């Protein structure tokens, strides 16, 4: 069962470290992903699989939220073109959202590995 509290705390930790990590582009975001995944896995505990899952969710949450916001914005922008434009941009917005979800899950693998380490150390 997913511990959403652990996922949310890991996501917030990742966001805070990521903001400070803007000073060192690339490395700062890598460290943020590792730290947030570790925090989520450590709080969730329950073994390697649980830590992996919670780290993956914490790492992907930002990408999913961002993709949802961009997809909705594209869908709403198409309403200015009338009903047909709304339908076309709605489909484009859904495609953008699905693409963002896929990419964010792939990029969250570092957080998942750090989450597994965090869960292993919490036991």
Protein backbone atom coordinates (compact mmCIF):
# COMPACT_ATOMS: atom_id res chain seq x y z
CA UNK A 1 0.00 0.00 0.00
CA UNK A 2 1.28 3.44 -0.91
CA UNK A 3 2.20 5.82 1.91
CA UNK A 4 1.21 9.11 0.30
CA UNK A 5 2.60 11.06 3.25
CA UNK A 6 6.07 9.68 2.48
CA UNK A 7 5.64 10.45 -1.23
CA UNK A 8 4.53 14.01 -0.53
CA UNK A 9 7.35 14.67 1.95
CA UNK A 10 9.88 13.25 -0.54
CA UNK A 11 8.42 15.45 -3.29
CA UNK A 12 8.62 18.57 -1.09
CA UNK A 13 12.20 17.72 -0.08
CA UNK A 14 13.09 17.23 -3.74
CA UNK A 15 11.51 20.56 -4.66
CA UNK A 16 13.34 22.48 -1.92
CA UNK A 17 16.72 20.93 -2.75
CA UNK A 18 16.01 21.47 -6.46
CA UNK A 19 15.43 25.18 -5.89
CA UNK A 20 18.78 25.48 -4.11
CA UNK A 21 20.27 23.17 -6.74
CA UNK A 22 19.65 25.76 -9.45
CA UNK A 23 22.99 27.25 -8.39
CA UNK A 24 24.70 24.16 -9.84
CA UNK A 25 22.70 23.26 -12.98
CA UNK A 26 22.41 19.55 -13.72
CA UNK A 27 24.18 18.31 -10.60
CA UNK A 28 21.78 20.22 -8.33
CA UNK A 29 18.74 18.56 -9.91
CA UNK A 30 20.39 15.14 -9.79
CA UNK A 31 21.10 15.63 -6.10
CA UNK A 32 17.52 16.82 -5.56
CA UNK A 33 16.11 13.68 -7.19
CA UNK A 34 18.36 11.43 -5.16
CA UNK A 35 17.60 13.25 -1.90
CA UNK A 36 13.83 13.30 -2.43
CA UNK A 37 13.72 9.62 -3.37
CA UNK A 38 15.86 8.73 -0.37
CA UNK A 39 13.57 10.68 1.99
CA UNK A 40 10.43 9.06 0.55
CA UNK A 41 11.92 5.56 0.83
CA UNK A 42 13.27 6.17 4.32
CA UNK A 43 9.93 7.43 5.63
CA UNK A 44 7.94 4.66 3.91
CA UNK A 45 10.31 1.87 5.00
CA UNK A 46 9.11 -1.67 4.34
CA UNK A 47 12.00 -3.02 2.29
CA UNK A 48 13.61 -2.44 -1.07
CA UNK A 49 10.46 -2.79 -3.17
CA UNK A 50 8.48 -0.37 -1.05
CA UNK A 51 11.31 2.15 -1.04
CA UNK A 52 11.70 1.82 -4.81
CA UNK A 53 7.97 2.43 -5.34
CA UNK A 54 7.77 5.43 -3.01
CA UNK A 55 10.94 6.99 -4.45
CA UNK A 56 9.57 6.48 -7.98
CA UNK A 57 6.30 8.18 -7.10
CA UNK A 58 8.03 11.09 -5.36
CA UNK A 59 10.36 11.57 -8.31
CA UNK A 60 7.61 11.41 -10.90
CA UNK A 61 5.10 13.59 -9.06
CA UNK A 62 6.59 16.87 -10.24
CA UNK A 63 6.62 15.78 -13.87
CA UNK A 64 3.07 14.51 -13.69
CA UNK A 65 1.80 17.74 -12.12
CA UNK A 66 3.70 19.83 -14.65
CA UNK A 67 2.42 17.74 -17.56
CA UNK A 68 -1.14 18.06 -16.31
CA UNK A 69 -0.87 21.85 -16.06
CA UNK A 70 0.65 22.17 -19.54
CA UNK A 71 -1.94 19.80 -21.04
CA UNK A 72 -4.83 21.75 -19.51
CA UNK A 73 -3.33 25.06 -20.67
CA UNK A 74 -3.04 23.79 -24.26
CA UNK A 75 -6.59 22.45 -24.14
CA UNK A 76 -7.99 25.73 -22.84
CA UNK A 77 -6.00 27.80 -25.32
CA UNK A 78 -7.68 25.94 -28.17
CA UNK A 79 -11.11 27.04 -27.01
CA UNK A 80 -10.34 30.44 -28.54
CA UNK A 81 -10.51 28.72 -31.94
CA UNK A 82 -14.06 27.51 -31.36
CA UNK A 83 -15.42 24.00 -30.81
CA UNK A 84 -13.25 22.32 -33.46
CA UNK A 85 -10.13 24.07 -32.21
CA UNK A 86 -11.07 23.07 -28.68
CA UNK A 87 -11.37 19.41 -29.68
CA UNK A 88 -8.06 19.45 -31.54
CA UNK A 89 -6.17 21.23 -28.78
CA UNK A 90 -7.84 19.00 -26.16
CA UNK A 91 -6.45 15.96 -27.95
CA UNK A 92 -3.05 17.67 -28.20
CA UNK A 93 -3.19 18.51 -24.50
CA UNK A 94 -3.93 14.88 -23.64
CA UNK A 95 -0.99 13.78 -25.79
CA UNK A 96 1.30 16.27 -24.08
CA UNK A 97 0.17 15.04 -20.67
CA UNK A 98 0.79 11.38 -21.55
CA UNK A 99 4.22 12.22 -22.97
CA UNK A 100 5.11 14.17 -19.81
CA UNK A 101 3.99 11.28 -17.60
CA UNK A 102 6.12 8.81 -19.55
CA UNK A 103 9.21 11.02 -19.45
CA UNK A 104 8.77 11.83 -15.76
CA UNK A 105 8.54 8.12 -14.87
CA UNK A 106 11.73 7.39 -16.80
CA UNK A 107 13.53 10.30 -15.17
CA UNK A 108 12.29 9.23 -11.72
CA UNK A 109 14.33 6.02 -11.82
CA UNK A 110 17.18 7.72 -9.93
CA UNK A 111 14.73 8.66 -7.19
CA UNK A 112 13.43 5.09 -7.12
CA UNK A 113 16.90 3.67 -6.60
CA UNK A 114 17.60 6.21 -3.86
CA UNK A 115 14.24 5.28 -2.30
CA UNK A 116 15.24 1.63 -2.19
CA UNK A 117 18.48 2.60 -0.42
CA UNK A 118 16.54 4.81 2.01
CA UNK A 119 14.11 2.00 2.84
CA UNK A 120 16.97 -0.43 3.35
CA UNK A 121 18.64 1.96 5.79
CA UNK A 122 15.42 2.63 7.71
CA UNK A 123 15.02 -0.99 8.74
